[in-house]
Amino acid sequence: MRTMSKKAALLSAALAITLLSGCACNDRLDALEARVGTVEKTANSAQAAANRAQSSADAAAAAAAEAQKTANDAVEAVSRMAEKCCRK
């Protein structure tokens, strides 16, 4: 959804540039093109940061799942040891 919003904004900016290219306001057009480039770079940086955050979150979830499995295995091992001790 965010990607579509970014694409829609870039498309709107490109359309505005196309419409303005026929007028004599070349300085304004150049400034607008520069701003669009800056916005696109910022959007790309934000997307990259979001991807890194998602990757970190996925890694944290995997680590938590592994820790839970290890804890469960430890509890089961202690339980088996207790059963062996009680049988004697």
PDB file of N, CA and C in Angstrom:
ATOM      1  N   MET A   1       0.828  -1.185   0.000  1.00  0.00           N
ATOM      2  CA  MET A   1       0.000   0.000   0.000  1.00  0.00           C
ATOM      3  C   MET A   1       0.872   1.248   0.000  1.00  0.00           C
ATOM      4  N   ARG A   2       1.933   1.233   0.794  1.00  0.00           N
ATOM      5  CA  ARG A   2       2.832   2.386   0.816  1.00  0.00           C
ATOM      6  C   ARG A   2       3.513   2.559  -0.532  1.00  0.00           C
ATOM      7  N   THR A   3       3.864   1.438  -1.169  1.00  0.00           N
ATOM      8  CA  THR A   3       4.522   1.500  -2.467  1.00  0.00           C
ATOM      9  C   THR A   3       3.599   2.129  -3.493  1.00  0.00           C
ATOM     10  N   MET A   4       2.329   1.791  -3.450  1.00  0.00           N
ATOM     11  CA  MET A   4       1.383   2.384  -4.387  1.00  0.00           C
ATOM     12  C   MET A   4       1.268   3.883  -4.153  1.00  0.00           C
ATOM     13  N   SER A   5       1.266   4.316  -2.916  1.00  0.00           N
ATOM     14  CA  SER A   5       1.186   5.742  -2.615  1.00  0.00           C
ATOM     15  C   SER A   5       2.408   6.458  -3.153  1.00  0.00           C
ATOM     16  N   LYS A   6       3.559   5.848  -3.007  1.00  0.00           N
ATOM     17  CA  LYS A   6       4.800   6.431  -3.521  1.00  0.00           C
ATOM     18  C   LYS A   6       4.724   6.532  -5.032  1.00  0.00           C
ATOM     19  N   LYS A   7       4.281   5.467  -5.686  1.00  0.00           N
ATOM     20  CA  LYS A   7       4.183   5.472  -7.141  1.00  0.00           C
ATOM     21  C   LYS A   7       3.175   6.510  -7.614  1.00  0.00           C
ATOM     22  N   ALA A   8       2.063   6.624  -6.906  1.00  0.00           N
ATOM     23  CA  ALA A   8       1.054   7.613  -7.283  1.00  0.00           C
ATOM     24  C   ALA A   8       1.603   9.028  -7.148  1.00  0.00           C
ATOM     25  N   ALA A   9       2.360   9.285  -6.083  1.00  0.00           N
ATOM     26  CA  ALA A   9       2.948  10.612  -5.889  1.00  0.00           C
ATOM     27  C   ALA A   9       3.965  10.917  -6.974  1.00  0.00           C
ATOM     28  N   LEU A  10       4.784   9.941  -7.324  1.00  0.00           N
ATOM     29  CA  LEU A  10       5.781  10.150  -8.375  1.00  0.00           C
ATOM     30  C   LEU A  10       5.117  10.348  -9.730  1.00  0.00           C
ATOM     31  N   LEU A  11       4.048   9.608  -9.983  1.00  0.00           N
ATOM     32  CA  LEU A  11       3.316   9.774 -11.233  1.00  0.00           C
ATOM     33  C   LEU A  11       2.693  11.157 -11.307  1.00  0.00           C
ATOM     34  N   SER A  12       2.119  11.619 -10.208  1.00  0.00           N
ATOM     35  CA  SER A  12       1.537  12.965 -10.168  1.00  0.00           C
ATOM     36  C   SER A  12       2.600  14.027 -10.407  1.00  0.00           C
ATOM     37  N   ALA A  13       3.757  13.847  -9.791  1.00  0.00           N
ATOM     38  CA  ALA A  13       4.845  14.807  -9.981  1.00  0.00           C
ATOM     39  C   ALA A  13       5.326  14.793 -11.425  1.00  0.00           C
ATOM     40  N   ALA A  14       5.426  13.608 -12.016  1.00  0.00           N
ATOM     41  CA  ALA A  14       5.853  13.516 -13.415  1.00  0.00           C
ATOM     42  C   ALA A  14       4.842  14.180 -14.335  1.00  0.00           C
ATOM     43  N   LEU A  15       3.565  14.007 -14.040  1.00  0.00           N
ATOM     44  CA  LEU A  15       2.515  14.654 -14.828  1.00  0.00           C
ATOM     45  C   LEU A  15       2.605  16.162 -14.699  1.00  0.00           C
ATOM     46  N   ALA A  16       2.831  16.643 -13.480  1.00  0.00           N
ATOM     47  CA  ALA A  16       2.971  18.088 -13.267  1.00  0.00           C
ATOM     48  C   ALA A  16       4.165  18.628 -14.041  1.00  0.00           C
ATOM     49  N   ILE A  17       5.255  17.886 -14.049  1.00  0.00           N
ATOM     50  CA  ILE A  17       6.445  18.312 -14.792  1.00  0.00           C
ATOM     51  C   ILE A  17       6.138  18.366 -16.280  1.00  0.00           C
ATOM     52  N   THR A  18       5.436  17.356 -16.767  1.00  0.00           N
ATOM     53  CA  THR A  18       5.083  17.326 -18.187  1.00  0.00           C
ATOM     54  C   THR A  18       4.201  18.508 -18.556  1.00  0.00           C
ATOM     55  N   LEU A  19       3.227  18.803 -17.708  1.00  0.00           N
ATOM     56  CA  LEU A  19       2.323  19.923 -17.986  1.00  0.00           C
ATOM     57  C   LEU A  19       3.048  21.260 -17.926  1.00  0.00           C
ATOM     58  N   LEU A  20       3.992  21.378 -16.997  1.00  0.00           N
ATOM     59  CA  LEU A  20       4.716  22.637 -16.843  1.00  0.00           C
ATOM     60  C   LEU A  20       5.810  22.831 -17.883  1.00  0.00           C
ATOM     61  N   SER A  21       6.187  21.766 -18.564  1.00  0.00           N
ATOM     62  CA  SER A  21       7.307  21.885 -19.501  1.00  0.00           C
ATOM     63  C   SER A  21       6.987  22.802 -20.671  1.00  0.00           C
ATOM     64  N   GLY A  22       5.710  23.036 -20.920  1.00  0.00           N
ATOM     65  CA  GLY A  22       5.336  23.929 -22.016  1.00  0.00           C
ATOM     66  C   GLY A  22       5.394  25.393 -21.638  1.00  0.00           C
ATOM     67  N   CYS A  23       5.530  25.744 -20.370  1.00  0.00           N
ATOM     68  CA  CYS A  23       5.541  27.150 -19.972  1.00  0.00           C
ATOM     69  C   CYS A  23       6.963  27.677 -19.884  1.00  0.00           C
ATOM     70  N   ALA A  24       7.090  28.959 -19.677  1.00  0.00           N
ATOM     71  CA  ALA A  24       8.404  29.604 -19.669  1.00  0.00           C
ATOM     72  C   ALA A  24       9.057  29.583 -18.293  1.00  0.00           C
ATOM     73  N   CYS A  25       8.505  28.852 -17.354  1.00  0.00           N
ATOM     74  CA  CYS A  25       9.012  28.838 -15.978  1.00  0.00           C
ATOM     75  C   CYS A  25      10.052  27.738 -15.811  1.00  0.00           C
ATOM     76  N   ASN A  26      11.111  27.797 -16.567  1.00  0.00           N
ATOM     77  CA  ASN A  26      12.116  26.732 -16.526  1.00  0.00           C
ATOM     78  C   ASN A  26      12.784  26.616 -15.164  1.00  0.00           C
ATOM     79  N   ASP A  27      13.005  27.745 -14.488  1.00  0.00           N
ATOM     80  CA  ASP A  27      13.618  27.686 -13.159  1.00  0.00           C
ATOM     81  C   ASP A  27      12.726  26.929 -12.189  1.00  0.00           C
ATOM     82  N   ARG A  28      11.443  27.224 -12.249  1.00  0.00           N
ATOM     83  CA  ARG A  28      10.495  26.529 -11.370  1.00  0.00           C
ATOM     84  C   ARG A  28      10.431  25.048 -11.729  1.00  0.00           C
ATOM     85  N   LEU A  29      10.460  24.767 -13.018  1.00  0.00           N
ATOM     86  CA  LEU A  29      10.424  23.381 -13.470  1.00  0.00           C
ATOM     87  C   LEU A  29      11.652  22.621 -12.979  1.00  0.00           C
ATOM     88  N   ASP A  30      12.817  23.230 -13.095  1.00  0.00           N
ATOM     89  CA  ASP A  30      14.049  22.597 -12.612  1.00  0.00           C
ATOM     90  C   ASP A  30      13.986  22.349 -11.108  1.00  0.00           C
ATOM     91  N   ALA A  31      13.467  23.337 -10.376  1.00  0.00           N
ATOM     92  CA  ALA A  31      13.341  23.185  -8.924  1.00  0.00           C
ATOM     93  C   ALA A  31      12.372  22.058  -8.586  1.00  0.00           C
ATOM     94  N   LEU A  32      11.275  21.982  -9.328  1.00  0.00           N
ATOM     95  CA  LEU A  32      10.287  20.929  -9.094  1.00  0.00           C
ATOM     96  C   LEU A  32      10.890  19.555  -9.384  1.00  0.00           C
ATOM     97  N   GLU A  33      11.633  19.452 -10.466  1.00  0.00           N
ATOM     98  CA  GLU A  33      12.278  18.180 -10.792  1.00  0.00           C
ATOM     99  C   GLU A  33      13.266  17.768  -9.699  1.00  0.00           C
ATOM    100  N   ALA A  34      14.002  18.730  -9.187  1.00  0.00           N
ATOM    101  CA  ALA A  34      14.951  18.441  -8.104  1.00  0.00           C
ATOM    102  C   ALA A  34      14.220  17.970  -6.856  1.00  0.00           C
ATOM    103  N   ARG A  35      13.098  18.607  -6.553  1.00  0.00           N
ATOM    104  CA  ARG A  35      12.322  18.206  -5.370  1.00  0.00           C
ATOM    105  C   ARG A  35      11.765  16.800  -5.538  1.00  0.00           C
ATOM    106  N   VAL A  36      11.282  16.498  -6.740  1.00  0.00           N
ATOM    107  CA  VAL A  36      10.759  15.152  -6.996  1.00  0.00           C
ATOM    108  C   VAL A  36      11.870  14.123  -6.804  1.00  0.00           C
ATOM    109  N   GLY A  37      13.060  14.436  -7.296  1.00  0.00           N
ATOM    110  CA  GLY A  37      14.192  13.531  -7.107  1.00  0.00           C
ATOM    111  C   GLY A  37      14.516  13.329  -5.641  1.00  0.00           C
ATOM    112  N   THR A  38      14.466  14.409  -4.878  1.00  0.00           N
ATOM    113  CA  THR A  38      14.739  14.325  -3.439  1.00  0.00           C
ATOM    114  C   THR A  38      13.674  13.493  -2.730  1.00  0.00           C
ATOM    115  N   VAL A  39      12.417  13.720  -3.093  1.00  0.00           N
ATOM    116  CA  VAL A  39      11.318  12.959  -2.485  1.00  0.00           C
ATOM    117  C   VAL A  39      11.461  11.478  -2.812  1.00  0.00           C
ATOM    118  N   GLU A  40      11.823  11.175  -4.050  1.00  0.00           N
ATOM    119  CA  GLU A  40      11.982   9.771  -4.438  1.00  0.00           C
ATOM    120  C   GLU A  40      13.125   9.119  -3.661  1.00  0.00           C
ATOM    121  N   LYS A  41      14.238   9.820  -3.511  1.00  0.00           N
ATOM    122  CA  LYS A  41      15.363   9.279  -2.738  1.00  0.00           C
ATOM    123  C   LYS A  41      14.963   9.054  -1.284  1.00  0.00           C
ATOM    124  N   THR A  42      14.226  10.013  -0.722  1.00  0.00           N
ATOM    125  CA  THR A  42      13.774   9.878   0.664  1.00  0.00           C
ATOM    126  C   THR A  42      12.827   8.688   0.810  1.00  0.00           C
ATOM    127  N   ALA A  43      11.914   8.541  -0.149  1.00  0.00           N
ATOM    128  CA  ALA A  43      10.978   7.413  -0.110  1.00  0.00           C
ATOM    129  C   ALA A  43      11.726   6.089  -0.230  1.00  0.00           C
ATOM    130  N   ASN A  44      12.722   6.047  -1.102  1.00  0.00           N
ATOM    131  CA  ASN A  44      13.511   4.818  -1.249  1.00  0.00           C
ATOM    132  C   ASN A  44      14.287   4.504   0.026  1.00  0.00           C
ATOM    133  N   SER A  45      14.836   5.534   0.656  1.00  0.00           N
ATOM    134  CA  SER A  45      15.562   5.332   1.919  1.00  0.00           C
ATOM    135  C   SER A  45      14.624   4.830   3.008  1.00  0.00           C
ATOM    136  N   ALA A  46      13.431   5.403   3.064  1.00  0.00           N
ATOM    137  CA  ALA A  46      12.448   4.973   4.061  1.00  0.00           C
ATOM    138  C   ALA A  46      12.033   3.523   3.821  1.00  0.00           C
ATOM    139  N   GLN A  47      11.856   3.158   2.555  1.00  0.00           N
ATOM    140  CA  GLN A  47      11.491   1.780   2.231  1.00  0.00           C
ATOM    141  C   GLN A  47      12.608   0.819   2.622  1.00  0.00           C
ATOM    142  N   ALA A  48      13.847   1.211   2.360  1.00  0.00           N
ATOM    143  CA  ALA A  48      14.993   0.371   2.730  1.00  0.00           C
ATOM    144  C   ALA A  48      15.074   0.212   4.248  1.00  0.00           C
ATOM    145  N   ALA A  49      14.833   1.299   4.976  1.00  0.00           N
ATOM    146  CA  ALA A  49      14.850   1.232   6.445  1.00  0.00           C
ATOM    147  C   ALA A  49      13.735   0.318   6.952  1.00  0.00           C
ATOM    148  N   ALA A  50      12.562   0.413   6.339  1.00  0.00           N
ATOM    149  CA  ALA A  50      11.448  -0.452   6.732  1.00  0.00           C
ATOM    150  C   ALA A  50      11.781  -1.919   6.456  1.00  0.00           C
ATOM    151  N   ASN A  51      12.430  -2.176   5.330  1.00  0.00           N
ATOM    152  CA  ASN A  51      12.829  -3.553   5.010  1.00  0.00           C
ATOM    153  C   ASN A  51      13.840  -4.087   6.017  1.00  0.00           C
ATOM    154  N   ARG A  52      14.802  -3.226   6.411  1.00  0.00           N
ATOM    155  CA  ARG A  52      15.789  -3.651   7.414  1.00  0.00           C
ATOM    156  C   ARG A  52      15.105  -3.916   8.753  1.00  0.00           C
ATOM    157  N   ALA A  53      14.157  -3.060   9.125  1.00  0.00           N
ATOM    158  CA  ALA A  53      13.436  -3.250  10.390  1.00  0.00           C
ATOM    159  C   ALA A  53      12.640  -4.553  10.360  1.00  0.00           C
ATOM    160  N   GLN A  54      12.016  -4.845   9.222  1.00  0.00           N
ATOM    161  CA  GLN A  54      11.255  -6.090   9.100  1.00  0.00           C
ATOM    162  C   GLN A  54      12.179  -7.292   9.211  1.00  0.00           C
ATOM    163  N   SER A  55      13.335  -7.186   8.582  1.00  0.00           N
ATOM    164  CA  SER A  55      14.317  -8.271   8.658  1.00  0.00           C
ATOM    165  C   SER A  55      14.768  -8.488  10.101  1.00  0.00           C
ATOM    166  N   SER A  56      15.008  -7.391  10.822  1.00  0.00           N
ATOM    167  CA  SER A  56      15.407  -7.491  12.231  1.00  0.00           C
ATOM    168  C   SER A  56      14.290  -8.104  13.068  1.00  0.00           C
ATOM    169  N   ALA A  57      13.060  -7.700  12.789  1.00  0.00           N
ATOM    170  CA  ALA A  57      11.918  -8.250  13.528  1.00  0.00           C
ATOM    171  C   ALA A  57      11.773  -9.744  13.254  1.00  0.00           C
ATOM    172  N   ASP A  58      11.967 -10.142  12.005  1.00  0.00           N
ATOM    173  CA  ASP A  58      11.890 -11.567  11.664  1.00  0.00           C
ATOM    174  C   ASP A  58      12.984 -12.359  12.384  1.00  0.00           C
ATOM    175  N   ALA A  59      14.191 -11.795  12.423  1.00  0.00           N
ATOM    176  CA  ALA A  59      15.299 -12.466  13.113  1.00  0.00           C
ATOM    177  C   ALA A  59      15.016 -12.572  14.609  1.00  0.00           C
ATOM    178  N   ALA A  60      14.452 -11.516  15.189  1.00  0.00           N
ATOM    179  CA  ALA A  60      14.119 -11.545  16.618  1.00  0.00           C
ATOM    180  C   ALA A  60      13.043 -12.593  16.900  1.00  0.00           C
ATOM    181  N   ALA A  61      12.062 -12.696  16.030  1.00  0.00           N
ATOM    182  CA  ALA A  61      11.008 -13.696  16.213  1.00  0.00           C
ATOM    183  C   ALA A  61      11.583 -15.109  16.115  1.00  0.00           C
ATOM    184  N   ALA A  62      12.499 -15.314  15.182  1.00  0.00           N
ATOM    185  CA  ALA A  62      13.132 -16.631  15.046  1.00  0.00           C
ATOM    186  C   ALA A  62      13.964 -16.960  16.285  1.00  0.00           C
ATOM    187  N   ALA A  63      14.687 -15.968  16.803  1.00  0.00           N
ATOM    188  CA  ALA A  63      15.489 -16.183  18.012  1.00  0.00           C
ATOM    189  C   ALA A  63      14.596 -16.496  19.208  1.00  0.00           C
ATOM    190  N   ALA A  64      13.467 -15.804  19.310  1.00  0.00           N
ATOM    191  CA  ALA A  64      12.533 -16.062  20.410  1.00  0.00           C
ATOM    192  C   ALA A  64      11.950 -17.471  20.305  1.00  0.00           C
ATOM    193  N   ALA A  65      11.623 -17.888  19.091  1.00  0.00           N
ATOM    194  CA  ALA A  65      11.087 -19.240  18.902  1.00  0.00           C
ATOM    195  C   ALA A  65      12.129 -20.291  19.279  1.00  0.00           C
ATOM    196  N   GLU A  66      13.378 -20.051  18.901  1.00  0.00           N
ATOM    197  CA  GLU A  66      14.454 -20.989  19.247  1.00  0.00           C
ATOM    198  C   GLU A  66      14.666 -21.037  20.763  1.00  0.00           C
ATOM    199  N   ALA A  67      14.609 -19.874  21.415  1.00  0.00           N
ATOM    200  CA  ALA A  67      14.760 -19.824  22.873  1.00  0.00           C
ATOM    201  C   ALA A  67      13.623 -20.578  23.554  1.00  0.00           C
ATOM    202  N   GLN A  68      12.414 -20.432  23.034  1.00  0.00           N
ATOM    203  CA  GLN A  68      11.263 -21.142  23.598  1.00  0.00           C
ATOM    204  C   GLN A  68      11.443 -22.649  23.448  1.00  0.00           C
ATOM    205  N   LYS A  69      11.904 -23.076  22.269  1.00  0.00           N
ATOM    206  CA  LYS A  69      12.142 -24.507  22.040  1.00  0.00           C
ATOM    207  C   LYS A  69      13.214 -25.029  22.994  1.00  0.00           C
ATOM    208  N   THR A  70      14.285 -24.271  23.168  1.00  0.00           N
ATOM    209  CA  THR A  70      15.357 -24.674  24.078  1.00  0.00           C
ATOM    210  C   THR A  70      14.833 -24.780  25.510  1.00  0.00           C
ATOM    211  N   ALA A  71      14.020 -23.819  25.920  1.00  0.00           N
ATOM    212  CA  ALA A  71      13.438 -23.852  27.268  1.00  0.00           C
ATOM    213  C   ALA A  71      12.530 -25.065  27.428  1.00  0.00           C
ATOM    214  N   ASN A  72      11.720 -25.344  26.426  1.00  0.00           N
ATOM    215  CA  ASN A  72      10.836 -26.514  26.483  1.00  0.00           C
ATOM    216  C   ASN A  72      11.643 -27.807  26.568  1.00  0.00           C
ATOM    217  N   ASP A  73      12.722 -27.880  25.781  1.00  0.00           N
ATOM    218  CA  ASP A  73      13.587 -29.069  25.821  1.00  0.00           C
ATOM    219  C   ASP A  73      14.211 -29.236  27.206  1.00  0.00           C
ATOM    220  N   ALA A  74      14.638 -28.135  27.809  1.00  0.00           N
ATOM    221  CA  ALA A  74      15.245 -28.194  29.141  1.00  0.00           C
ATOM    222  C   ALA A  74      14.234 -28.665  30.178  1.00  0.00           C
ATOM    223  N   VAL A  75      13.020 -28.152  30.107  1.00  0.00           N
ATOM    224  CA  VAL A  75      11.971 -28.569  31.049  1.00  0.00           C
ATOM    225  C   VAL A  75      11.688 -30.058  30.885  1.00  0.00           C
ATOM    226  N   GLU A  76      11.633 -30.512  29.649  1.00  0.00           N
ATOM    227  CA  GLU A  76      11.373 -31.928  29.411  1.00  0.00           C
ATOM    228  C   GLU A  76      12.514 -32.802  29.931  1.00  0.00           C
ATOM    229  N   ALA A  77      13.746 -32.354  29.749  1.00  0.00           N
ATOM    230  CA  ALA A  77      14.904 -33.113  30.246  1.00  0.00           C
ATOM    231  C   ALA A  77      14.876 -33.209  31.766  1.00  0.00           C
ATOM    232  N   VAL A  78      14.568 -32.115  32.436  1.00  0.00           N
ATOM    233  CA  VAL A  78      14.480 -32.120  33.902  1.00  0.00           C
ATOM    234  C   VAL A  78      13.346 -33.035  34.347  1.00  0.00           C
ATOM    235  N   SER A  79      12.246 -33.002  33.621  1.00  0.00           N
ATOM    236  CA  SER A  79      11.108 -33.856  33.962  1.00  0.00           C
ATOM    237  C   SER A  79      11.481 -35.334  33.840  1.00  0.00           C
ATOM    238  N   ARG A  80      12.194 -35.682  32.773  1.00  0.00           N
ATOM    239  CA  ARG A  80      12.635 -37.085  32.605  1.00  0.00           C
ATOM    240  C   ARG A  80      13.590 -37.493  33.719  1.00  0.00           C
ATOM    241  N   MET A  81      14.502 -36.596  34.089  1.00  0.00           N
ATOM    242  CA  MET A  81      15.446 -36.897  35.174  1.00  0.00           C
ATOM    243  C   MET A  81      14.693 -37.104  36.485  1.00  0.00           C
ATOM    244  N   ALA A  82      13.690 -36.277  36.728  1.00  0.00           N
ATOM    245  CA  ALA A  82      12.903 -36.404  37.959  1.00  0.00           C
ATOM    246  C   ALA A  82      12.158 -37.733  37.982  1.00  0.00           C
ATOM    247  N   GLU A  83      11.605 -38.137  36.836  1.00  0.00           N
ATOM    248  CA  GLU A  83      10.906 -39.422  36.762  1.00  0.00           C
ATOM    249  C   GLU A  83      11.857 -40.581  37.073  1.00  0.00           C
ATOM    250  N   LYS A  84      13.069 -40.519  36.516  1.00  0.00           N
ATOM    251  CA  LYS A  84      14.056 -41.581  36.767  1.00  0.00           C
ATOM    252  C   LYS A  84      14.419 -41.644  38.249  1.00  0.00           C
ATOM    253  N   CYS A  85      14.583 -40.483  38.863  1.00  0.00           N
ATOM    254  CA  CYS A  85      14.931 -40.447  40.290  1.00  0.00           C
ATOM    255  C   CYS A  85      13.800 -40.994  41.145  1.00  0.00           C
ATOM    256  N   CYS A  86      12.567 -40.695  40.777  1.00  0.00           N
ATOM    257  CA  CYS A  86      11.417 -41.139  41.572  1.00  0.00           C
ATOM    258  C   CYS A  86      11.182 -42.639  41.437  1.00  0.00           C
ATOM    259  N   ARG A  87      11.575 -43.230  40.335  1.00  0.00           N
ATOM    260  CA  ARG A  87      11.381 -44.669  40.125  1.00  0.00           C
ATOM    261  C   ARG A  87      12.315 -45.495  40.993  1.00  0.00           C
ATOM    262  N   LYS A  88      13.434 -44.961  41.361  1.00  0.00           N
ATOM    263  CA  LYS A  88      14.436 -45.724  42.125  1.00  0.00           C
ATOM    264  C   LYS A  88      14.006 -45.980  43.520  1.00  0.00           C
TER     265      LYS A  88
END
